[in-house]
């Protein structure tokens, strides 16, 4: 009898352990950026918050710097269920649909308040488009405003005409052409060499990228144009999310809302800190001249109008919501 009781207790304990194990879930999460990047720091805090709020029922393992999935492939990895969750740069999807490039339109949203308003106006449309691909947005965080880096002084639009400008997407290529510059595709790791070899003489990017690439080694001037504030999105496979219990789903969404709020504040702090580093390393940091600012604004209007035509009803809906008083 004692042996039977022992066997029964052991079986019962094993069944309890099995139930706990069945409820526990581990998600591998690819992200594109290094451990030091503020986006990665924010993602890691999000993962910690989820694990704590769910009592370990859901653990998110962050794989930074493209170590698990390369950046251009992260969105499709989420869509196909190769990974349940991940982070990617939203405007990388512009070739799929122009609407995904809304946050990279020059002159449309040029500060954090405008960028947040644009996100609220565009989020329903972007969520609808991604939902067709079995993807659900958890949260989004803006990068610092994009500035203009140049090897040469750019007091007037004439000073930049003919210069080769690094352009990392179709919208930047259009901007370069509207400004009379020559767009050249260069990936972030290759930026220093591209400047050193004369492949490019200017670029549009954030203070974050300017610091991480040590731009003071190859350019002298930084103009705080604040042309646009692009965003990263953190998204989840719909099937994976729906497989979670309602309690865990609620915890994930709550942690995501906190991460979005925290991330935008981190981005603002990043802007101030990294701009100071550019200046401390000897770069000439200044606002654009009225003439240069006007040239960027004029180019932006052309690009936004073209984007609206290409984006159709969805683009018109976003602009209507954004411009609504």
C-alpha atoms as a PDB file:
ATOM      1  CA  UNK A   1       0.000   0.000   0.000  1.00  0.00           C
ATOM      2  CA  UNK A   2       2.840   2.363   0.885  1.00  0.00           C
ATOM      3  CA  UNK A   3       4.493   1.729  -2.524  1.00  0.00           C
ATOM      4  CA  UNK A   4       1.241   2.353  -4.340  1.00  0.00           C
ATOM      5  CA  UNK A   5       0.754   5.597  -2.381  1.00  0.00           C
ATOM      6  CA  UNK A   6       4.304   6.688  -3.246  1.00  0.00           C
ATOM      7  CA  UNK A   7       3.759   5.922  -6.904  1.00  0.00           C
ATOM      8  CA  UNK A   8       0.471   7.819  -6.891  1.00  0.00           C
ATOM      9  CA  UNK A   9       2.037  10.873  -5.218  1.00  0.00           C
ATOM     10  CA  UNK A  10       4.950  10.825  -7.651  1.00  0.00           C
ATOM     11  CA  UNK A  11       2.575  10.614 -10.600  1.00  0.00           C
ATOM     12  CA  UNK A  12       0.490  13.466  -9.208  1.00  0.00           C
ATOM     13  CA  UNK A  13       3.573  15.653  -8.705  1.00  0.00           C
ATOM     14  CA  UNK A  14       4.737  14.865 -12.224  1.00  0.00           C
ATOM     15  CA  UNK A  15       1.340  15.819 -13.626  1.00  0.00           C
ATOM     16  CA  UNK A  16       1.488  19.145 -11.799  1.00  0.00           C
ATOM     17  CA  UNK A  17       4.987  19.796 -13.104  1.00  0.00           C
ATOM     18  CA  UNK A  18       3.820  18.882 -16.588  1.00  0.00           C
ATOM     19  CA  UNK A  19       0.921  21.326 -16.324  1.00  0.00           C
ATOM     20  CA  UNK A  20       3.259  24.113 -15.268  1.00  0.00           C
ATOM     21  CA  UNK A  21       5.656  23.277 -18.113  1.00  0.00           C
ATOM     22  CA  UNK A  22       2.786  23.252 -20.581  1.00  0.00           C
ATOM     23  CA  UNK A  23       1.802  26.752 -19.517  1.00  0.00           C
ATOM     24  CA  UNK A  24       5.360  28.088 -19.743  1.00  0.00           C
ATOM     25  CA  UNK A  25       6.352  29.546 -23.107  1.00  0.00           C
ATOM     26  CA  UNK A  26       9.663  30.859 -24.459  1.00  0.00           C
ATOM     27  CA  UNK A  27       9.769  33.289 -27.372  1.00  0.00           C
ATOM     28  CA  UNK A  28      12.954  34.009 -29.282  1.00  0.00           C
ATOM     29  CA  UNK A  29      13.014  37.650 -30.388  1.00  0.00           C
ATOM     30  CA  UNK A  30      15.381  38.955 -33.091  1.00  0.00           C
ATOM     31  CA  UNK A  31      16.317  42.644 -33.027  1.00  0.00           C
ATOM     32  CA  UNK A  32      18.575  44.522 -35.465  1.00  0.00           C
ATOM     33  CA  UNK A  33      20.643  46.717 -33.168  1.00  0.00           C
ATOM     34  CA  UNK A  34      23.529  46.392 -30.721  1.00  0.00           C
ATOM     35  CA  UNK A  35      23.221  45.929 -26.979  1.00  0.00           C
ATOM     36  CA  UNK A  36      24.180  49.573 -26.407  1.00  0.00           C
ATOM     37  CA  UNK A  37      21.406  50.925 -28.638  1.00  0.00           C
ATOM     38  CA  UNK A  38      18.528  52.514 -26.732  1.00  0.00           C
ATOM     39  CA  UNK A  39      16.000  50.473 -28.739  1.00  0.00           C
ATOM     40  CA  UNK A  40      17.642  47.233 -27.571  1.00  0.00           C
ATOM     41  CA  UNK A  41      17.805  48.443 -23.976  1.00  0.00           C
ATOM     42  CA  UNK A  42      14.093  49.211 -24.144  1.00  0.00           C
ATOM     43  CA  UNK A  43      13.287  45.819 -25.692  1.00  0.00           C
ATOM     44  CA  UNK A  44      15.179  44.015 -22.934  1.00  0.00           C
ATOM     45  CA  UNK A  45      13.189  45.901 -20.298  1.00  0.00           C
ATOM     46  CA  UNK A  46       9.997  44.953 -22.136  1.00  0.00           C
ATOM     47  CA  UNK A  47      11.038  41.289 -22.000  1.00  0.00           C
ATOM     48  CA  UNK A  48      11.777  41.542 -18.271  1.00  0.00           C
ATOM     49  CA  UNK A  49       8.412  43.182 -17.632  1.00  0.00           C
ATOM     50  CA  UNK A  50       6.580  40.432 -19.500  1.00  0.00           C
ATOM     51  CA  UNK A  51       8.343  37.656 -17.606  1.00  0.00           C
ATOM     52  CA  UNK A  52       7.712  39.345 -14.263  1.00  0.00           C
ATOM     53  CA  UNK A  53       4.042  40.108 -14.995  1.00  0.00           C
ATOM     54  CA  UNK A  54       3.331  36.556 -16.159  1.00  0.00           C
ATOM     55  CA  UNK A  55       5.214  34.854 -13.346  1.00  0.00           C
ATOM     56  CA  UNK A  56       7.467  33.191 -15.888  1.00  0.00           C
ATOM     57  CA  UNK A  57       4.614  31.845 -18.030  1.00  0.00           C
ATOM     58  CA  UNK A  58       6.106  33.764 -20.967  1.00  0.00           C
ATOM     59  CA  UNK A  59       9.821  34.361 -21.329  1.00  0.00           C
ATOM     60  CA  UNK A  60      11.159  36.459 -24.207  1.00  0.00           C
ATOM     61  CA  UNK A  61      14.782  35.793 -25.156  1.00  0.00           C
ATOM     62  CA  UNK A  62      16.236  38.794 -27.012  1.00  0.00           C
ATOM     63  CA  UNK A  63      18.784  38.148 -29.791  1.00  0.00           C
ATOM     64  CA  UNK A  64      20.324  41.531 -30.635  1.00  0.00           C
ATOM     65  CA  UNK A  65      22.440  42.849 -33.533  1.00  0.00           C
ATOM     66  CA  UNK A  66      20.835  40.605 -36.144  1.00  0.00           C
ATOM     67  CA  UNK A  67      22.417  37.537 -34.524  1.00  0.00           C
ATOM     68  CA  UNK A  68      19.326  35.347 -34.946  1.00  0.00           C
ATOM     69  CA  UNK A  69      17.695  36.868 -38.038  1.00  0.00           C
ATOM     70  CA  UNK A  70      19.122  39.613 -40.240  1.00  0.00           C
ATOM     71  CA  UNK A  71      17.243  42.906 -40.192  1.00  0.00           C
ATOM     72  CA  UNK A  72      15.707  42.773 -43.696  1.00  0.00           C
ATOM     73  CA  UNK A  73      14.336  39.296 -42.953  1.00  0.00           C
ATOM     74  CA  UNK A  74      12.801  39.905 -39.508  1.00  0.00           C
ATOM     75  CA  UNK A  75       9.332  40.969 -40.683  1.00  0.00           C
ATOM     76  CA  UNK A  76       8.886  37.903 -42.878  1.00  0.00           C
ATOM     77  CA  UNK A  77      10.277  35.658 -40.132  1.00  0.00           C
ATOM     78  CA  UNK A  78       7.455  36.915 -37.893  1.00  0.00           C
ATOM     79  CA  UNK A  79       4.903  36.525 -40.680  1.00  0.00           C
ATOM     80  CA  UNK A  80       5.927  32.939 -41.425  1.00  0.00           C
ATOM     81  CA  UNK A  81       6.086  31.930 -37.766  1.00  0.00           C
ATOM     82  CA  UNK A  82       9.833  31.292 -37.778  1.00  0.00           C
ATOM     83  CA  UNK A  83       9.937  33.582 -34.744  1.00  0.00           C
ATOM     84  CA  UNK A  84       6.944  34.726 -32.697  1.00  0.00           C
ATOM     85  CA  UNK A  85       8.086  38.303 -32.123  1.00  0.00           C
ATOM     86  CA  UNK A  86      10.676  40.768 -33.416  1.00  0.00           C
ATOM     87  CA  UNK A  87      11.707  44.358 -34.083  1.00  0.00           C
ATOM     88  CA  UNK A  88      12.197  46.086 -37.439  1.00  0.00           C
ATOM     89  CA  UNK A  89      12.475  49.511 -39.069  1.00  0.00           C
ATOM     90  CA  UNK A  90       9.021  50.326 -40.434  1.00  0.00           C
ATOM     91  CA  UNK A  91      10.036  52.113 -43.623  1.00  0.00           C
ATOM     92  CA  UNK A  92      11.999  49.039 -44.743  1.00  0.00           C
ATOM     93  CA  UNK A  93       8.595  47.844 -45.963  1.00  0.00           C
ATOM     94  CA  UNK A  94       8.072  50.805 -48.300  1.00  0.00           C
ATOM     95  CA  UNK A  95       8.626  48.628 -51.375  1.00  0.00           C
ATOM     96  CA  UNK A  96       5.648  46.502 -50.280  1.00  0.00           C
ATOM     97  CA  UNK A  97       3.356  49.482 -49.838  1.00  0.00           C
ATOM     98  CA  UNK A  98       4.154  53.234 -49.848  1.00  0.00           C
ATOM     99  CA  UNK A  99       2.094  53.689 -46.687  1.00  0.00           C
ATOM    100  CA  UNK A 100       4.805  51.979 -44.626  1.00  0.00           C
ATOM    101  CA  UNK A 101       7.090  54.927 -45.424  1.00  0.00           C
ATOM    102  CA  UNK A 102       4.810  57.560 -43.896  1.00  0.00           C
ATOM    103  CA  UNK A 103       7.197  58.287 -41.017  1.00  0.00           C
ATOM    104  CA  UNK A 104      10.092  58.910 -43.409  1.00  0.00           C
ATOM    105  CA  UNK A 105       8.456  61.673 -45.453  1.00  0.00           C
ATOM    106  CA  UNK A 106      10.632  64.816 -45.279  1.00  0.00           C
ATOM    107  CA  UNK A 107       8.944  67.758 -43.625  1.00  0.00           C
ATOM    108  CA  UNK A 108       5.699  66.024 -42.671  1.00  0.00           C
ATOM    109  CA  UNK A 109       6.488  65.452 -38.976  1.00  0.00           C
ATOM    110  CA  UNK A 110       9.650  67.181 -37.772  1.00  0.00           C
ATOM    111  CA  UNK A 111       9.471  67.003 -33.965  1.00  0.00           C
ATOM    112  CA  UNK A 112       8.380  64.498 -31.346  1.00  0.00           C
ATOM    113  CA  UNK A 113       4.883  65.929 -30.845  1.00  0.00           C
ATOM    114  CA  UNK A 114       4.208  65.844 -34.576  1.00  0.00           C
ATOM    115  CA  UNK A 115       5.757  62.378 -34.910  1.00  0.00           C
ATOM    116  CA  UNK A 116       3.536  61.006 -32.148  1.00  0.00           C
ATOM    117  CA  UNK A 117       0.476  62.602 -33.746  1.00  0.00           C
ATOM    118  CA  UNK A 118       1.449  61.057 -37.089  1.00  0.00           C
ATOM    119  CA  UNK A 119       1.847  57.643 -35.449  1.00  0.00           C
ATOM    120  CA  UNK A 120      -1.645  57.854 -33.952  1.00  0.00           C
ATOM    121  CA  UNK A 121      -3.025  58.896 -37.350  1.00  0.00           C
ATOM    122  CA  UNK A 122      -1.229  56.147 -39.266  1.00  0.00           C
ATOM    123  CA  UNK A 123      -1.330  53.265 -36.786  1.00  0.00           C
ATOM    124  CA  UNK A 124      -4.845  52.000 -37.687  1.00  0.00           C
ATOM    125  CA  UNK A 125      -3.946  51.822 -41.386  1.00  0.00           C
ATOM    126  CA  UNK A 126      -0.564  50.193 -40.750  1.00  0.00           C
ATOM    127  CA  UNK A 127      -2.117  47.700 -38.329  1.00  0.00           C
ATOM    128  CA  UNK A 128      -4.708  46.776 -40.972  1.00  0.00           C
ATOM    129  CA  UNK A 129      -2.012  46.179 -43.605  1.00  0.00           C
ATOM    130  CA  UNK A 130       0.148  44.077 -41.286  1.00  0.00           C
ATOM    131  CA  UNK A 131      -2.850  42.112 -40.026  1.00  0.00           C
ATOM    132  CA  UNK A 132      -3.249  40.773 -43.580  1.00  0.00           C
ATOM    133  CA  UNK A 133       0.219  39.278 -43.101  1.00  0.00           C
ATOM    134  CA  UNK A 134      -0.693  37.703 -39.744  1.00  0.00           C
ATOM    135  CA  UNK A 135       1.299  40.338 -37.844  1.00  0.00           C
ATOM    136  CA  UNK A 136       0.170  42.373 -34.847  1.00  0.00           C
ATOM    137  CA  UNK A 137       1.951  45.539 -33.700  1.00  0.00           C
ATOM    138  CA  UNK A 138       2.798  45.618 -30.006  1.00  0.00           C
ATOM    139  CA  UNK A 139       4.469  49.029 -29.858  1.00  0.00           C
ATOM    140  CA  UNK A 140       6.562  51.525 -31.788  1.00  0.00           C
ATOM    141  CA  UNK A 141       9.387  53.924 -30.877  1.00  0.00           C
ATOM    142  CA  UNK A 142      10.718  56.854 -32.887  1.00  0.00           C
ATOM    143  CA  UNK A 143      14.349  57.434 -33.750  1.00  0.00           C
ATOM    144  CA  UNK A 144      15.836  60.890 -33.120  1.00  0.00           C
ATOM    145  CA  UNK A 145      15.118  63.468 -35.853  1.00  0.00           C
ATOM    146  CA  UNK A 146      17.148  62.997 -39.029  1.00  0.00           C
ATOM    147  CA  UNK A 147      19.883  65.573 -39.650  1.00  0.00           C
ATOM    148  CA  UNK A 148      22.151  66.424 -42.581  1.00  0.00           C
ATOM    149  CA  UNK A 149      25.855  65.512 -42.435  1.00  0.00           C
ATOM    150  CA  UNK A 150      28.283  66.992 -44.962  1.00  0.00           C
ATOM    151  CA  UNK A 151      32.011  67.066 -45.618  1.00  0.00           C
ATOM    152  CA  UNK A 152      31.543  70.614 -46.865  1.00  0.00           C
ATOM    153  CA  UNK A 153      29.787  73.690 -45.542  1.00  0.00           C
ATOM    154  CA  UNK A 154      26.193  73.895 -46.775  1.00  0.00           C
ATOM    155  CA  UNK A 155      25.010  77.468 -46.343  1.00  0.00           C
ATOM    156  CA  UNK A 156      22.788  77.454 -49.434  1.00  0.00           C
ATOM    157  CA  UNK A 157      21.107  74.819 -51.631  1.00  0.00           C
ATOM    158  CA  UNK A 158      23.747  75.508 -54.277  1.00  0.00           C
ATOM    159  CA  UNK A 159      26.444  74.239 -51.910  1.00  0.00           C
ATOM    160  CA  UNK A 160      25.017  70.707 -51.943  1.00  0.00           C
ATOM    161  CA  UNK A 161      24.032  70.357 -55.589  1.00  0.00           C
ATOM    162  CA  UNK A 162      25.932  67.586 -57.307  1.00  0.00           C
ATOM    163  CA  UNK A 163      27.170  66.033 -54.045  1.00  0.00           C
ATOM    164  CA  UNK A 164      26.799  62.282 -53.636  1.00  0.00           C
ATOM    165  CA  UNK A 165      24.443  61.545 -50.738  1.00  0.00           C
ATOM    166  CA  UNK A 166      24.009  58.246 -48.947  1.00  0.00           C
ATOM    167  CA  UNK A 167      20.397  57.132 -49.430  1.00  0.00           C
ATOM    168  CA  UNK A 168      19.192  54.013 -47.598  1.00  0.00           C
ATOM    169  CA  UNK A 169      15.663  53.814 -49.064  1.00  0.00           C
ATOM    170  CA  UNK A 170      13.536  54.984 -52.000  1.00  0.00           C
ATOM    171  CA  UNK A 171      12.303  58.082 -50.190  1.00  0.00           C
ATOM    172  CA  UNK A 172      15.841  59.243 -49.479  1.00  0.00           C
ATOM    173  CA  UNK A 173      16.729  58.708 -53.106  1.00  0.00           C
ATOM    174  CA  UNK A 174      13.859  60.987 -54.097  1.00  0.00           C
ATOM    175  CA  UNK A 175      14.963  63.590 -51.563  1.00  0.00           C
ATOM    176  CA  UNK A 176      18.511  63.567 -52.911  1.00  0.00           C
ATOM    177  CA  UNK A 177      17.274  64.083 -56.453  1.00  0.00           C
ATOM    178  CA  UNK A 178      14.918  66.905 -55.451  1.00  0.00           C
ATOM    179  CA  UNK A 179      17.865  68.647 -53.780  1.00  0.00           C
ATOM    180  CA  UNK A 180      20.017  68.220 -56.878  1.00  0.00           C
ATOM    181  CA  UNK A 181      22.205  65.593 -55.217  1.00  0.00           C
ATOM    182  CA  UNK A 182      23.249  62.135 -56.393  1.00  0.00           C
ATOM    183  CA  UNK A 183      21.758  59.279 -54.316  1.00  0.00           C
ATOM    184  CA  UNK A 184      24.112  56.418 -53.455  1.00  0.00           C
ATOM    185  CA  UNK A 185      23.189  53.220 -51.600  1.00  0.00           C
ATOM    186  CA  UNK A 186      25.455  52.633 -48.589  1.00  0.00           C
ATOM    187  CA  UNK A 187      24.770  50.358 -45.606  1.00  0.00           C
ATOM    188  CA  UNK A 188      25.514  51.600 -42.070  1.00  0.00           C
ATOM    189  CA  UNK A 189      28.668  49.482 -41.512  1.00  0.00           C
ATOM    190  CA  UNK A 190      30.135  50.850 -44.757  1.00  0.00           C
ATOM    191  CA  UNK A 191      29.531  54.556 -44.039  1.00  0.00           C
ATOM    192  CA  UNK A 192      33.086  55.474 -42.902  1.00  0.00           C
ATOM    193  CA  UNK A 193      34.713  53.790 -45.898  1.00  0.00           C
ATOM    194  CA  UNK A 194      32.204  55.340 -48.304  1.00  0.00           C
ATOM    195  CA  UNK A 195      33.134  58.830 -47.099  1.00  0.00           C
ATOM    196  CA  UNK A 196      36.851  58.049 -47.008  1.00  0.00           C
ATOM    197  CA  UNK A 197      36.863  56.834 -50.608  1.00  0.00           C
ATOM    198  CA  UNK A 198      34.695  59.658 -51.941  1.00  0.00           C
ATOM    199  CA  UNK A 199      31.762  57.375 -52.680  1.00  0.00           C
ATOM    200  CA  UNK A 200      29.580  59.842 -50.770  1.00  0.00           C
ATOM    201  CA  UNK A 201      30.069  63.327 -49.314  1.00  0.00           C
ATOM    202  CA  UNK A 202      26.811  63.716 -47.380  1.00  0.00           C
ATOM    203  CA  UNK A 203      24.133  61.729 -45.603  1.00  0.00           C
ATOM    204  CA  UNK A 204      20.834  62.072 -43.779  1.00  0.00           C
ATOM    205  CA  UNK A 205      20.669  60.161 -40.527  1.00  0.00           C
ATOM    206  CA  UNK A 206      20.089  60.508 -36.805  1.00  0.00           C
ATOM    207  CA  UNK A 207      22.581  61.701 -34.187  1.00  0.00           C
ATOM    208  CA  UNK A 208      22.587  58.093 -32.956  1.00  0.00           C
ATOM    209  CA  UNK A 209      23.979  56.727 -36.211  1.00  0.00           C
ATOM    210  CA  UNK A 210      26.296  59.720 -36.473  1.00  0.00           C
ATOM    211  CA  UNK A 211      27.856  58.820 -33.132  1.00  0.00           C
ATOM    212  CA  UNK A 212      27.925  55.048 -33.644  1.00  0.00           C
ATOM    213  CA  UNK A 213      29.750  55.517 -36.968  1.00  0.00           C
ATOM    214  CA  UNK A 214      32.076  58.173 -35.470  1.00  0.00           C
ATOM    215  CA  UNK A 215      31.082  60.633 -38.167  1.00  0.00           C
ATOM    216  CA  UNK A 216      33.581  63.240 -36.905  1.00  0.00           C
ATOM    217  CA  UNK A 217      36.303  61.101 -38.480  1.00  0.00           C
ATOM    218  CA  UNK A 218      35.009  61.778 -41.994  1.00  0.00           C
ATOM    219  CA  UNK A 219      32.610  64.776 -41.979  1.00  0.00           C
ATOM    220  CA  UNK A 220      32.828  68.203 -40.377  1.00  0.00           C
ATOM    221  CA  UNK A 221      29.324  69.627 -40.541  1.00  0.00           C
ATOM    222  CA  UNK A 222      26.056  68.512 -38.939  1.00  0.00           C
ATOM    223  CA  UNK A 223      22.905  70.484 -39.728  1.00  0.00           C
ATOM    224  CA  UNK A 224      19.982  69.851 -37.393  1.00  0.00           C
ATOM    225  CA  UNK A 225      17.417  69.757 -40.184  1.00  0.00           C
ATOM    226  CA  UNK A 226      14.959  67.542 -38.244  1.00  0.00           C
ATOM    227  CA  UNK A 227      13.610  66.288 -41.554  1.00  0.00           C
ATOM    228  CA  UNK A 228      11.639  63.315 -40.168  1.00  0.00           C
ATOM    229  CA  UNK A 229      11.509  60.865 -37.249  1.00  0.00           C
ATOM    230  CA  UNK A 230      11.382  57.271 -38.523  1.00  0.00           C
ATOM    231  CA  UNK A 231      10.200  54.463 -36.270  1.00  0.00           C
ATOM    232  CA  UNK A 232      10.898  50.903 -35.274  1.00  0.00           C
ATOM    233  CA  UNK A 233       7.977  48.592 -34.610  1.00  0.00           C
ATOM    234  CA  UNK A 234       7.885  45.612 -32.289  1.00  0.00           C
ATOM    235  CA  UNK A 235       5.439  43.090 -33.677  1.00  0.00           C
ATOM    236  CA  UNK A 236       4.161  39.592 -32.976  1.00  0.00           C
ATOM    237  CA  UNK A 237       2.844  36.699 -35.035  1.00  0.00           C
ATOM    238  CA  UNK A 238      -0.945  36.690 -34.585  1.00  0.00           C
ATOM    239  CA  UNK A 239      -1.168  32.910 -34.175  1.00  0.00           C
ATOM    240  CA  UNK A 240       1.514  32.933 -31.477  1.00  0.00           C
ATOM    241  CA  UNK A 241      -0.199  35.797 -29.646  1.00  0.00           C
ATOM    242  CA  UNK A 242      -3.630  34.158 -29.839  1.00  0.00           C
ATOM    243  CA  UNK A 243      -2.182  30.948 -28.387  1.00  0.00           C
ATOM    244  CA  UNK A 244      -1.419  32.777 -25.138  1.00  0.00           C
ATOM    245  CA  UNK A 245      -3.931  32.775 -22.320  1.00  0.00           C
ATOM    246  CA  UNK A 246      -6.039  35.960 -21.958  1.00  0.00           C
ATOM    247  CA  UNK A 247      -4.123  36.796 -18.783  1.00  0.00           C
ATOM    248  CA  UNK A 248      -0.736  36.555 -20.516  1.00  0.00           C
ATOM    249  CA  UNK A 249      -2.018  38.498 -23.527  1.00  0.00           C
ATOM    250  CA  UNK A 250      -3.099  41.302 -21.227  1.00  0.00           C
ATOM    251  CA  UNK A 251       0.325  41.329 -19.546  1.00  0.00           C
ATOM    252  CA  UNK A 252       2.091  41.535 -22.918  1.00  0.00           C
ATOM    253  CA  UNK A 253      -0.066  44.449 -24.085  1.00  0.00           C
ATOM    254  CA  UNK A 254       0.408  46.282 -20.797  1.00  0.00           C
ATOM    255  CA  UNK A 255       4.198  45.849 -20.978  1.00  0.00           C
ATOM    256  CA  UNK A 256       4.120  46.978 -24.617  1.00  0.00           C
ATOM    257  CA  UNK A 257       2.236  50.173 -23.750  1.00  0.00           C
ATOM    258  CA  UNK A 258       4.803  50.931 -21.048  1.00  0.00           C
ATOM    259  CA  UNK A 259       7.665  50.206 -23.472  1.00  0.00           C
ATOM    260  CA  UNK A 260       6.245  52.584 -26.076  1.00  0.00           C
ATOM    261  CA  UNK A 261       5.944  55.417 -23.576  1.00  0.00           C
ATOM    262  CA  UNK A 262       9.388  54.724 -22.098  1.00  0.00           C
ATOM    263  CA  UNK A 263      10.970  54.347 -25.546  1.00  0.00           C
ATOM    264  CA  UNK A 264       9.831  57.739 -26.785  1.00  0.00           C
ATOM    265  CA  UNK A 265      11.294  59.382 -23.682  1.00  0.00           C
ATOM    266  CA  UNK A 266      14.529  57.463 -24.220  1.00  0.00           C
ATOM    267  CA  UNK A 267      14.610  58.700 -27.810  1.00  0.00           C
ATOM    268  CA  UNK A 268      14.315  62.315 -26.682  1.00  0.00           C
ATOM    269  CA  UNK A 269      17.164  61.847 -24.218  1.00  0.00           C
ATOM    270  CA  UNK A 270      19.183  60.096 -26.938  1.00  0.00           C
ATOM    271  CA  UNK A 271      18.781  63.085 -29.251  1.00  0.00           C
ATOM    272  CA  UNK A 272      20.219  65.531 -26.733  1.00  0.00           C
ATOM    273  CA  UNK A 273      23.025  63.237 -25.576  1.00  0.00           C
ATOM    274  CA  UNK A 274      24.222  62.141 -29.022  1.00  0.00           C
ATOM    275  CA  UNK A 275      24.029  65.640 -30.519  1.00  0.00           C
ATOM    276  CA  UNK A 276      26.285  66.815 -27.691  1.00  0.00           C
ATOM    277  CA  UNK A 277      28.767  64.027 -28.463  1.00  0.00           C
ATOM    278  CA  UNK A 278      28.946  65.165 -32.096  1.00  0.00           C
ATOM    279  CA  UNK A 279      29.769  68.678 -30.914  1.00  0.00           C
ATOM    280  CA  UNK A 280      32.234  67.499 -28.262  1.00  0.00           C
ATOM    281  CA  UNK A 281      34.159  65.646 -30.964  1.00  0.00           C
ATOM    282  CA  UNK A 282      34.748  68.790 -32.971  1.00  0.00           C
ATOM    283  CA  UNK A 283      31.908  68.755 -35.459  1.00  0.00           C
ATOM    284  CA  UNK A 284      30.223  72.018 -36.422  1.00  0.00           C
ATOM    285  CA  UNK A 285      26.693  71.481 -35.116  1.00  0.00           C
ATOM    286  CA  UNK A 286      24.158  74.104 -36.138  1.00  0.00           C
ATOM    287  CA  UNK A 287      20.635  74.619 -37.490  1.00  0.00           C
ATOM    288  CA  UNK A 288      20.237  74.875 -41.267  1.00  0.00           C
ATOM    289  CA  UNK A 289      20.247  78.309 -42.858  1.00  0.00           C
ATOM    290  CA  UNK A 290      16.797  79.666 -43.851  1.00  0.00           C
ATOM    291  CA  UNK A 291      17.702  78.962 -47.487  1.00  0.00           C
ATOM    292  CA  UNK A 292      18.702  75.359 -46.832  1.00  0.00           C
ATOM    293  CA  UNK A 293      15.676  74.780 -44.612  1.00  0.00           C
ATOM    294  CA  UNK A 294      13.404  76.126 -47.350  1.00  0.00           C
ATOM    295  CA  UNK A 295      15.018  73.807 -49.902  1.00  0.00           C
ATOM    296  CA  UNK A 296      14.353  70.764 -47.706  1.00  0.00           C
ATOM    297  CA  UNK A 297      10.773  71.927 -47.117  1.00  0.00           C
ATOM    298  CA  UNK A 298      10.143  72.380 -50.847  1.00  0.00           C
ATOM    299  CA  UNK A 299      11.574  68.952 -51.626  1.00  0.00           C
ATOM    300  CA  UNK A 300       9.453  67.466 -48.867  1.00  0.00           C
ATOM    301  CA  UNK A 301       6.221  68.865 -50.298  1.00  0.00           C
ATOM    302  CA  UNK A 302       6.932  67.266 -53.666  1.00  0.00           C
ATOM    303  CA  UNK A 303       7.706  63.913 -52.037  1.00  0.00           C
ATOM    304  CA  UNK A 304       4.618  63.979 -49.785  1.00  0.00           C
ATOM    305  CA  UNK A 305       2.363  64.807 -52.745  1.00  0.00           C
ATOM    306  CA  UNK A 306       3.873  61.955 -54.754  1.00  0.00           C
ATOM    307  CA  UNK A 307       3.519  59.581 -51.783  1.00  0.00           C
ATOM    308  CA  UNK A 308      -0.147  60.516 -51.382  1.00  0.00           C
ATOM    309  CA  UNK A 309      -0.824  59.599 -55.027  1.00  0.00           C
ATOM    310  CA  UNK A 310       1.000  56.295 -54.737  1.00  0.00           C
ATOM    311  CA  UNK A 311      -0.586  55.409 -51.383  1.00  0.00           C
ATOM    312  CA  UNK A 312      -4.127  55.979 -52.607  1.00  0.00           C
ATOM    313  CA  UNK A 313      -7.036  55.913 -50.166  1.00  0.00           C
ATOM    314  CA  UNK A 314      -4.921  54.742 -47.234  1.00  0.00           C
ATOM    315  CA  UNK A 315      -2.465  57.619 -47.650  1.00  0.00           C
ATOM    316  CA  UNK A 316      -5.284  60.145 -47.968  1.00  0.00           C
ATOM    317  CA  UNK A 317      -6.907  58.762 -44.794  1.00  0.00           C
ATOM    318  CA  UNK A 318      -3.658  59.109 -42.859  1.00  0.00           C
ATOM    319  CA  UNK A 319      -3.077  62.689 -43.983  1.00  0.00           C
ATOM    320  CA  UNK A 320      -6.694  63.621 -43.231  1.00  0.00           C
ATOM    321  CA  UNK A 321      -6.404  62.224 -39.700  1.00  0.00           C
ATOM    322  CA  UNK A 322      -2.995  63.858 -39.180  1.00  0.00           C
ATOM    323  CA  UNK A 323      -4.113  67.284 -40.398  1.00  0.00           C
ATOM    324  CA  UNK A 324      -7.340  67.206 -38.433  1.00  0.00           C
ATOM    325  CA  UNK A 325      -7.379  69.960 -35.821  1.00  0.00           C
END
